[in-house]
Amino acid sequence: MTCRELADILSDYLAGELAQEHCATIRSHLDACPHCVHFVETYQITIQVSRQLPTAPLPAELLERLQRSLEEDTP
């Protein structure tokens, strides 16, 4: 596994959405690649911090556009 391949599937890995063989490959890569270990740790911190941010309501105009768009896509 390359560092790029790990980065491409990291969110799935952290969400527990990968097959065990993929997880084992990722763990093997992390055992040998301190750069990716740092990347994963930083990514996890980013997730934790972003979950603590307050949510802001959508502007009314954007909400209306989104609702219209969803209604148009509904068969």
PDB file of N, CA and C in Angstrom:
ATOM      1  N   MET A   1       0.854  -1.182   0.000  1.00  0.00           N
ATOM      2  CA  MET A   1       0.000   0.000   0.000  1.00  0.00           C
ATOM      3  C   MET A   1       0.889   1.230   0.000  1.00  0.00           C
ATOM      4  N   THR A   2       0.513   2.199  -0.808  1.00  0.00           N
ATOM      5  CA  THR A   2       1.253   3.455  -0.854  1.00  0.00           C
ATOM      6  C   THR A   2       0.595   4.463   0.105  1.00  0.00           C
ATOM      7  N   CYS A   3       1.323   5.513   0.377  1.00  0.00           N
ATOM      8  CA  CYS A   3       0.775   6.575   1.228  1.00  0.00           C
ATOM      9  C   CYS A   3      -0.468   7.195   0.576  1.00  0.00           C
ATOM     10  N   ARG A   4      -0.451   7.357  -0.725  1.00  0.00           N
ATOM     11  CA  ARG A   4      -1.593   7.920  -1.452  1.00  0.00           C
ATOM     12  C   ARG A   4      -2.821   7.017  -1.321  1.00  0.00           C
ATOM     13  N   GLU A   5      -2.611   5.718  -1.443  1.00  0.00           N
ATOM     14  CA  GLU A   5      -3.727   4.778  -1.311  1.00  0.00           C
ATOM     15  C   GLU A   5      -4.321   4.834   0.088  1.00  0.00           C
ATOM     16  N   LEU A   6      -3.458   4.946   1.092  1.00  0.00           N
ATOM     17  CA  LEU A   6      -3.956   5.063   2.460  1.00  0.00           C
ATOM     18  C   LEU A   6      -4.793   6.328   2.612  1.00  0.00           C
ATOM     19  N   ALA A   7      -4.281   7.431   2.108  1.00  0.00           N
ATOM     20  CA  ALA A   7      -5.004   8.697   2.218  1.00  0.00           C
ATOM     21  C   ALA A   7      -6.365   8.627   1.530  1.00  0.00           C
ATOM     22  N   ASP A   8      -6.436   7.912   0.413  1.00  0.00           N
ATOM     23  CA  ASP A   8      -7.691   7.816  -0.338  1.00  0.00           C
ATOM     24  C   ASP A   8      -8.778   7.057   0.416  1.00  0.00           C
ATOM     25  N   ILE A   9      -8.392   6.121   1.287  1.00  0.00           N
ATOM     26  CA  ILE A   9      -9.403   5.311   1.987  1.00  0.00           C
ATOM     27  C   ILE A   9      -9.391   5.527   3.504  1.00  0.00           C
ATOM     28  N   LEU A  10      -8.694   6.558   3.946  1.00  0.00           N
ATOM     29  CA  LEU A  10      -8.555   6.779   5.388  1.00  0.00           C
ATOM     30  C   LEU A  10      -9.893   7.000   6.078  1.00  0.00           C
ATOM     31  N   SER A  11     -10.764   7.784   5.499  1.00  0.00           N
ATOM     32  CA  SER A  11     -12.044   8.047   6.170  1.00  0.00           C
ATOM     33  C   SER A  11     -12.854   6.763   6.322  1.00  0.00           C
ATOM     34  N   ASP A  12     -12.826   5.897   5.320  1.00  0.00           N
ATOM     35  CA  ASP A  12     -13.526   4.610   5.418  1.00  0.00           C
ATOM     36  C   ASP A  12     -12.890   3.732   6.504  1.00  0.00           C
ATOM     37  N   TYR A  13     -11.574   3.763   6.578  1.00  0.00           N
ATOM     38  CA  TYR A  13     -10.855   2.987   7.600  1.00  0.00           C
ATOM     39  C   TYR A  13     -11.250   3.449   8.999  1.00  0.00           C
ATOM     40  N   LEU A  14     -11.204   4.742   9.235  1.00  0.00           N
ATOM     41  CA  LEU A  14     -11.529   5.263  10.563  1.00  0.00           C
ATOM     42  C   LEU A  14     -12.995   5.073  10.920  1.00  0.00           C
ATOM     43  N   ALA A  15     -13.851   4.990   9.914  1.00  0.00           N
ATOM     44  CA  ALA A  15     -15.279   4.762  10.155  1.00  0.00           C
ATOM     45  C   ALA A  15     -15.593   3.280  10.341  1.00  0.00           C
ATOM     46  N   GLY A  16     -14.576   2.425  10.175  1.00  0.00           N
ATOM     47  CA  GLY A  16     -14.795   0.991  10.328  1.00  0.00           C
ATOM     48  C   GLY A  16     -15.563   0.367   9.186  1.00  0.00           C
ATOM     49  N   GLU A  17     -15.439   0.955   8.003  1.00  0.00           N
ATOM     50  CA  GLU A  17     -16.230   0.501   6.859  1.00  0.00           C
ATOM     51  C   GLU A  17     -15.433  -0.352   5.862  1.00  0.00           C
ATOM     52  N   LEU A  18     -14.228  -0.760   6.227  1.00  0.00           N
ATOM     53  CA  LEU A  18     -13.410  -1.560   5.312  1.00  0.00           C
ATOM     54  C   LEU A  18     -13.362  -3.013   5.763  1.00  0.00           C
ATOM     55  N   ALA A  19     -13.138  -3.882   4.798  1.00  0.00           N
ATOM     56  CA  ALA A  19     -12.973  -5.300   5.095  1.00  0.00           C
ATOM     57  C   ALA A  19     -11.704  -5.495   5.930  1.00  0.00           C
ATOM     58  N   GLN A  20     -11.683  -6.573   6.695  1.00  0.00           N
ATOM     59  CA  GLN A  20     -10.561  -6.830   7.587  1.00  0.00           C
ATOM     60  C   GLN A  20      -9.222  -6.894   6.853  1.00  0.00           C
ATOM     61  N   GLU A  21      -9.213  -7.448   5.643  1.00  0.00           N
ATOM     62  CA  GLU A  21      -7.944  -7.544   4.916  1.00  0.00           C
ATOM     63  C   GLU A  21      -7.400  -6.168   4.544  1.00  0.00           C
ATOM     64  N   HIS A  22      -8.302  -5.224   4.235  1.00  0.00           N
ATOM     65  CA  HIS A  22      -7.859  -3.850   3.973  1.00  0.00           C
ATOM     66  C   HIS A  22      -7.302  -3.220   5.248  1.00  0.00           C
ATOM     67  N   CYS A  23      -7.988  -3.460   6.353  1.00  0.00           N
ATOM     68  CA  CYS A  23      -7.537  -2.912   7.631  1.00  0.00           C
ATOM     69  C   CYS A  23      -6.159  -3.454   8.001  1.00  0.00           C
ATOM     70  N   ALA A  24      -5.942  -4.730   7.756  1.00  0.00           N
ATOM     71  CA  ALA A  24      -4.645  -5.328   8.054  1.00  0.00           C
ATOM     72  C   ALA A  24      -3.555  -4.710   7.178  1.00  0.00           C
ATOM     73  N   THR A  25      -3.865  -4.452   5.934  1.00  0.00           N
ATOM     74  CA  THR A  25      -2.897  -3.824   5.031  1.00  0.00           C
ATOM     75  C   THR A  25      -2.562  -2.413   5.509  1.00  0.00           C
ATOM     76  N   ILE A  26      -3.572  -1.697   5.935  1.00  0.00           N
ATOM     77  CA  ILE A  26      -3.355  -0.333   6.439  1.00  0.00           C
ATOM     78  C   ILE A  26      -2.509  -0.373   7.704  1.00  0.00           C
ATOM     79  N   ARG A  27      -2.826  -1.270   8.628  1.00  0.00           N
ATOM     80  CA  ARG A  27      -2.036  -1.368   9.864  1.00  0.00           C
ATOM     81  C   ARG A  27      -0.584  -1.712   9.558  1.00  0.00           C
ATOM     82  N   SER A  28      -0.354  -2.582   8.598  1.00  0.00           N
ATOM     83  CA  SER A  28       1.014  -2.926   8.201  1.00  0.00           C
ATOM     84  C   SER A  28       1.741  -1.700   7.650  1.00  0.00           C
ATOM     85  N   HIS A  29       1.036  -0.942   6.836  1.00  0.00           N
ATOM     86  CA  HIS A  29       1.638   0.278   6.291  1.00  0.00           C
ATOM     87  C   HIS A  29       1.979   1.252   7.419  1.00  0.00           C
ATOM     88  N   LEU A  30       1.054   1.418   8.359  1.00  0.00           N
ATOM     89  CA  LEU A  30       1.288   2.344   9.460  1.00  0.00           C
ATOM     90  C   LEU A  30       2.450   1.893  10.346  1.00  0.00           C
ATOM     91  N   ASP A  31       2.645   0.593  10.479  1.00  0.00           N
ATOM     92  CA  ASP A  31       3.772   0.081  11.261  1.00  0.00           C
ATOM     93  C   ASP A  31       5.115   0.491  10.661  1.00  0.00           C
ATOM     94  N   ALA A  32       5.124   0.737   9.357  1.00  0.00           N
ATOM     95  CA  ALA A  32       6.376   1.036   8.669  1.00  0.00           C
ATOM     96  C   ALA A  32       6.503   2.486   8.199  1.00  0.00           C
ATOM     97  N   CYS A  33       5.465   3.295   8.394  1.00  0.00           N
ATOM     98  CA  CYS A  33       5.474   4.645   7.811  1.00  0.00           C
ATOM     99  C   CYS A  33       5.100   5.706   8.854  1.00  0.00           C
ATOM    100  N   PRO A  34       6.086   6.295   9.506  1.00  0.00           N
ATOM    101  CA  PRO A  34       5.791   7.316  10.516  1.00  0.00           C
ATOM    102  C   PRO A  34       5.092   8.551   9.942  1.00  0.00           C
ATOM    103  N   HIS A  35       5.322   8.846   8.674  1.00  0.00           N
ATOM    104  CA  HIS A  35       4.642   9.992   8.060  1.00  0.00           C
ATOM    105  C   HIS A  35       3.128   9.762   8.019  1.00  0.00           C
ATOM    106  N   CYS A  36       2.727   8.557   7.672  1.00  0.00           N
ATOM    107  CA  CYS A  36       1.296   8.254   7.630  1.00  0.00           C
ATOM    108  C   CYS A  36       0.700   8.181   9.037  1.00  0.00           C
ATOM    109  N   VAL A  37       1.474   7.709  10.001  1.00  0.00           N
ATOM    110  CA  VAL A  37       0.989   7.707  11.386  1.00  0.00           C
ATOM    111  C   VAL A  37       0.670   9.138  11.803  1.00  0.00           C
ATOM    112  N   HIS A  38       1.556  10.054  11.497  1.00  0.00           N
ATOM    113  CA  HIS A  38       1.323  11.467  11.823  1.00  0.00           C
ATOM    114  C   HIS A  38       0.101  11.998  11.074  1.00  0.00           C
ATOM    115  N   PHE A  39      -0.034  11.623   9.804  1.00  0.00           N
ATOM    116  CA  PHE A  39      -1.187  12.051   9.010  1.00  0.00           C
ATOM    117  C   PHE A  39      -2.486  11.547   9.630  1.00  0.00           C
ATOM    118  N   VAL A  40      -2.522  10.272  10.024  1.00  0.00           N
ATOM    119  CA  VAL A  40      -3.723   9.689  10.621  1.00  0.00           C
ATOM    120  C   VAL A  40      -4.048  10.379  11.941  1.00  0.00           C
ATOM    121  N   GLU A  41      -3.043  10.616  12.766  1.00  0.00           N
ATOM    122  CA  GLU A  41      -3.279  11.286  14.055  1.00  0.00           C
ATOM    123  C   GLU A  41      -3.826  12.690  13.847  1.00  0.00           C
ATOM    124  N   THR A  42      -3.250  13.414  12.903  1.00  0.00           N
ATOM    125  CA  THR A  42      -3.723  14.771  12.602  1.00  0.00           C
ATOM    126  C   THR A  42      -5.150  14.741  12.064  1.00  0.00           C
ATOM    127  N   TYR A  43      -5.440  13.784  11.217  1.00  0.00           N
ATOM    128  CA  TYR A  43      -6.785  13.630  10.653  1.00  0.00           C
ATOM    129  C   TYR A  43      -7.799  13.361  11.766  1.00  0.00           C
ATOM    130  N   GLN A  44      -7.438  12.489  12.708  1.00  0.00           N
ATOM    131  CA  GLN A  44      -8.344  12.176  13.812  1.00  0.00           C
ATOM    132  C   GLN A  44      -8.579  13.399  14.702  1.00  0.00           C
ATOM    133  N   ILE A  45      -7.553  14.178  14.948  1.00  0.00           N
ATOM    134  CA  ILE A  45      -7.714  15.398  15.743  1.00  0.00           C
ATOM    135  C   ILE A  45      -8.624  16.380  15.012  1.00  0.00           C
ATOM    136  N   THR A  46      -8.453  16.495  13.713  1.00  0.00           N
ATOM    137  CA  THR A  46      -9.300  17.389  12.915  1.00  0.00           C
ATOM    138  C   THR A  46     -10.765  16.981  13.026  1.00  0.00           C
ATOM    139  N   ILE A  47     -11.029  15.692  12.961  1.00  0.00           N
ATOM    140  CA  ILE A  47     -12.400  15.203  13.104  1.00  0.00           C
ATOM    141  C   ILE A  47     -12.955  15.561  14.482  1.00  0.00           C
ATOM    142  N   GLN A  48     -12.176  15.322  15.525  1.00  0.00           N
ATOM    143  CA  GLN A  48     -12.629  15.610  16.889  1.00  0.00           C
ATOM    144  C   GLN A  48     -12.928  17.096  17.072  1.00  0.00           C
ATOM    145  N   VAL A  49     -12.036  17.940  16.585  1.00  0.00           N
ATOM    146  CA  VAL A  49     -12.219  19.389  16.739  1.00  0.00           C
ATOM    147  C   VAL A  49     -13.427  19.867  15.933  1.00  0.00           C
ATOM    148  N   SER A  50     -13.577  19.382  14.722  1.00  0.00           N
ATOM    149  CA  SER A  50     -14.693  19.838  13.895  1.00  0.00           C
ATOM    150  C   SER A  50     -16.038  19.411  14.470  1.00  0.00           C
ATOM    151  N   ARG A  51     -16.072  18.295  15.167  1.00  0.00           N
ATOM    152  CA  ARG A  51     -17.331  17.860  15.794  1.00  0.00           C
ATOM    153  C   ARG A  51     -17.723  18.752  16.958  1.00  0.00           C
ATOM    154  N   GLN A  52     -16.788  19.504  17.487  1.00  0.00           N
ATOM    155  CA  GLN A  52     -17.064  20.389  18.612  1.00  0.00           C
ATOM    156  C   GLN A  52     -17.501  21.781  18.166  1.00  0.00           C
ATOM    157  N   LEU A  53     -17.394  22.064  16.888  1.00  0.00           N
ATOM    158  CA  LEU A  53     -17.791  23.366  16.379  1.00  0.00           C
ATOM    159  C   LEU A  53     -19.303  23.527  16.448  1.00  0.00           C
ATOM    160  N   PRO A  54     -19.762  24.722  16.766  1.00  0.00           N
ATOM    161  CA  PRO A  54     -21.213  24.932  16.778  1.00  0.00           C
ATOM    162  C   PRO A  54     -21.764  24.891  15.357  1.00  0.00           C
ATOM    163  N   THR A  55     -22.983  24.413  15.255  1.00  0.00           N
ATOM    164  CA  THR A  55     -23.626  24.391  13.943  1.00  0.00           C
ATOM    165  C   THR A  55     -24.386  25.699  13.745  1.00  0.00           C
ATOM    166  N   ALA A  56     -24.373  26.158  12.538  1.00  0.00           N
ATOM    167  CA  ALA A  56     -25.093  27.387  12.202  1.00  0.00           C
ATOM    168  C   ALA A  56     -26.264  27.009  11.313  1.00  0.00           C
ATOM    169  N   PRO A  57     -27.390  27.662  11.500  1.00  0.00           N
ATOM    170  CA  PRO A  57     -28.537  27.353  10.632  1.00  0.00           C
ATOM    171  C   PRO A  57     -28.249  27.781   9.197  1.00  0.00           C
ATOM    172  N   LEU A  58     -28.854  27.052   8.258  1.00  0.00           N
ATOM    173  CA  LEU A  58     -28.725  27.427   6.852  1.00  0.00           C
ATOM    174  C   LEU A  58     -29.480  28.726   6.608  1.00  0.00           C
ATOM    175  N   PRO A  59     -28.936  29.598   5.774  1.00  0.00           N
ATOM    176  CA  PRO A  59     -29.694  30.794   5.395  1.00  0.00           C
ATOM    177  C   PRO A  59     -31.003  30.359   4.728  1.00  0.00           C
ATOM    178  N   ALA A  60     -32.055  31.102   4.972  1.00  0.00           N
ATOM    179  CA  ALA A  60     -33.389  30.751   4.472  1.00  0.00           C
ATOM    180  C   ALA A  60     -33.391  30.549   2.955  1.00  0.00           C
ATOM    181  N   GLU A  61     -32.715  31.420   2.220  1.00  0.00           N
ATOM    182  CA  GLU A  61     -32.692  31.309   0.762  1.00  0.00           C
ATOM    183  C   GLU A  61     -32.034  30.001   0.322  1.00  0.00           C
ATOM    184  N   LEU A  62     -30.961  29.631   0.967  1.00  0.00           N
ATOM    185  CA  LEU A  62     -30.282  28.391   0.619  1.00  0.00           C
ATOM    186  C   LEU A  62     -31.157  27.185   0.954  1.00  0.00           C
ATOM    187  N   LEU A  63     -31.829  27.219   2.078  1.00  0.00           N
ATOM    188  CA  LEU A  63     -32.716  26.131   2.466  1.00  0.00           C
ATOM    189  C   LEU A  63     -33.848  25.964   1.449  1.00  0.00           C
ATOM    190  N   GLU A  64     -34.415  27.069   1.011  1.00  0.00           N
ATOM    191  CA  GLU A  64     -35.488  27.009   0.013  1.00  0.00           C
ATOM    192  C   GLU A  64     -34.980  26.428  -1.303  1.00  0.00           C
ATOM    193  N   ARG A  65     -33.798  26.847  -1.754  1.00  0.00           N
ATOM    194  CA  ARG A  65     -33.223  26.320  -2.993  1.00  0.00           C
ATOM    195  C   ARG A  65     -32.960  24.827  -2.878  1.00  0.00           C
ATOM    196  N   LEU A  66     -32.468  24.408  -1.738  1.00  0.00           N
ATOM    197  CA  LEU A  66     -32.193  22.999  -1.516  1.00  0.00           C
ATOM    198  C   LEU A  66     -33.482  22.186  -1.537  1.00  0.00           C
ATOM    199  N   GLN A  67     -34.520  22.687  -0.888  1.00  0.00           N
ATOM    200  CA  GLN A  67     -35.806  21.983  -0.873  1.00  0.00           C
ATOM    201  C   GLN A  67     -36.395  21.883  -2.284  1.00  0.00           C
ATOM    202  N   ARG A  68     -36.310  22.961  -3.053  1.00  0.00           N
ATOM    203  CA  ARG A  68     -36.808  22.935  -4.440  1.00  0.00           C
ATOM    204  C   ARG A  68     -36.027  21.921  -5.267  1.00  0.00           C
ATOM    205  N   SER A  69     -34.745  21.906  -5.079  1.00  0.00           N
ATOM    206  CA  SER A  69     -33.904  20.973  -5.827  1.00  0.00           C
ATOM    207  C   SER A  69     -34.249  19.530  -5.490  1.00  0.00           C
ATOM    208  N   LEU A  70     -34.468  19.248  -4.227  1.00  0.00           N
ATOM    209  CA  LEU A  70     -34.836  17.899  -3.823  1.00  0.00           C
ATOM    210  C   LEU A  70     -36.209  17.514  -4.360  1.00  0.00           C
ATOM    211  N   GLU A  71     -37.139  18.443  -4.357  1.00  0.00           N
ATOM    212  CA  GLU A  71     -38.473  18.153  -4.883  1.00  0.00           C
ATOM    213  C   GLU A  71     -38.428  17.895  -6.390  1.00  0.00           C
ATOM    214  N   GLU A  72     -37.569  18.599  -7.096  1.00  0.00           N
ATOM    215  CA  GLU A  72     -37.442  18.412  -8.541  1.00  0.00           C
ATOM    216  C   GLU A  72     -36.846  17.044  -8.870  1.00  0.00           C
ATOM    217  N   ASP A  73     -35.985  16.551  -8.007  1.00  0.00           N
ATOM    218  CA  ASP A  73     -35.334  15.256  -8.234  1.00  0.00           C
ATOM    219  C   ASP A  73     -36.183  14.073  -7.805  1.00  0.00           C
ATOM    220  N   THR A  74     -37.252  14.310  -7.079  1.00  0.00           N
ATOM    221  CA  THR A  74     -38.114  13.234  -6.612  1.00  0.00           C
ATOM    222  C   THR A  74     -39.038  12.802  -7.741  1.00  0.00           C
ATOM    223  N   PRO A  75     -39.047  11.487  -8.042  1.00  0.00           N
ATOM    224  CA  PRO A  75     -39.918  11.012  -9.139  1.00  0.00           C
ATOM    225  C   PRO A  75     -41.384  11.079  -8.806  1.00  0.00           C
TER     226      PRO A  75
END
